[in-house]
Amino acid sequence: MRSRKTRVRRFYDLLARAYNDIYGEEQREKYALFLPRIEPRGVVLDLGCGTGLLMPALAEGSTWTLRGH
């Protein structure tokens, strides 16, 4: 039998995939609007990274140091 922690992790992995399928394009459109307004330097700390869509968008063509947890 799987541990409760493993079951919860798998549930949230499935939930994240479903969220990205439904809202992923909308999120990427938001990133396209605000990322050009931010100077790409320094460190970005994304706590509670949601589904993880933001980090690849930040990494694209930037000099940021990215940290996510």
Protein backbone atom coordinates (compact mmCIF):
# COMPACT_ATOMS: atom_id res chain seq x y z
CA MET A 1 0.00 0.00 0.00
CA ARG A 2 1.27 3.48 -0.85
CA SER A 3 1.89 5.97 1.88
CA ARG A 4 -0.53 8.84 2.37
CA LYS A 5 2.20 11.27 1.33
CA THR A 6 2.67 9.44 -1.98
CA ARG A 7 -1.08 9.38 -2.65
CA VAL A 8 -1.39 13.11 -1.93
CA ARG A 9 1.59 13.91 -4.17
CA ARG A 10 0.12 11.89 -7.04
CA PHE A 11 -3.25 13.57 -6.59
CA TYR A 12 -1.70 17.03 -6.86
CA ASP A 13 0.38 15.98 -9.87
CA LEU A 14 -2.82 14.94 -11.64
CA LEU A 15 -4.57 18.11 -10.56
CA ALA A 16 -1.69 20.25 -11.86
CA ARG A 17 -1.82 18.55 -15.27
CA ALA A 18 -5.57 19.12 -15.49
CA TYR A 19 -5.16 22.78 -14.48
CA ASN A 20 -2.48 23.29 -17.14
CA ASP A 21 -4.70 21.67 -19.76
CA ILE A 22 -7.56 24.01 -18.89
CA TYR A 23 -5.76 27.27 -17.99
CA GLY A 24 -2.22 26.89 -19.32
CA GLU A 25 -2.69 29.05 -22.41
CA GLU A 26 -4.34 31.80 -20.34
CA GLN A 27 -1.40 31.75 -17.91
CA ARG A 28 1.13 31.97 -20.76
CA GLU A 29 -0.78 34.95 -22.19
CA LYS A 30 -0.46 36.71 -18.82
CA TYR A 31 3.26 35.99 -18.72
CA ALA A 32 3.63 37.44 -22.24
CA LEU A 33 2.05 40.67 -20.97
CA PHE A 34 4.04 41.20 -17.78
CA LEU A 35 7.43 39.57 -18.39
CA PRO A 36 8.58 42.14 -20.99
CA ARG A 37 8.02 44.85 -18.34
CA ILE A 38 10.44 43.27 -15.86
CA GLU A 39 14.18 43.77 -16.16
CA PRO A 40 15.67 40.28 -16.61
CA ARG A 41 18.36 40.29 -13.93
CA GLY A 42 18.77 39.21 -10.35
CA VAL A 43 17.18 36.34 -8.48
CA VAL A 44 13.59 35.17 -8.70
CA LEU A 45 12.26 33.03 -5.87
CA ASP A 46 8.95 31.36 -6.67
CA LEU A 47 7.58 29.78 -3.51
CA GLY A 48 4.67 27.43 -3.98
CA CYS A 49 5.35 27.37 -7.72
CA GLY A 50 1.83 26.31 -8.58
CA THR A 51 1.99 24.01 -11.56
CA GLY A 52 5.44 25.19 -12.58
CA LEU A 53 4.47 27.07 -15.76
CA LEU A 54 6.11 30.32 -14.70
CA MET A 55 9.71 29.10 -14.36
CA PRO A 56 10.21 28.07 -18.02
CA ALA A 57 8.68 31.38 -19.11
CA LEU A 58 11.10 33.24 -16.84
CA ALA A 59 14.07 31.22 -18.03
CA GLU A 60 13.44 31.94 -21.69
CA GLY A 61 15.92 34.60 -22.80
CA SER A 62 16.70 35.95 -19.33
CA THR A 63 19.68 36.25 -17.07
CA TRP A 64 17.69 35.56 -13.91
CA THR A 65 18.83 33.07 -11.35
CA LEU A 66 15.73 30.99 -10.71
CA ARG A 67 14.84 29.21 -7.50
CA GLY A 68 11.59 27.36 -6.98
CA HIS A 69 10.17 25.34 -4.11
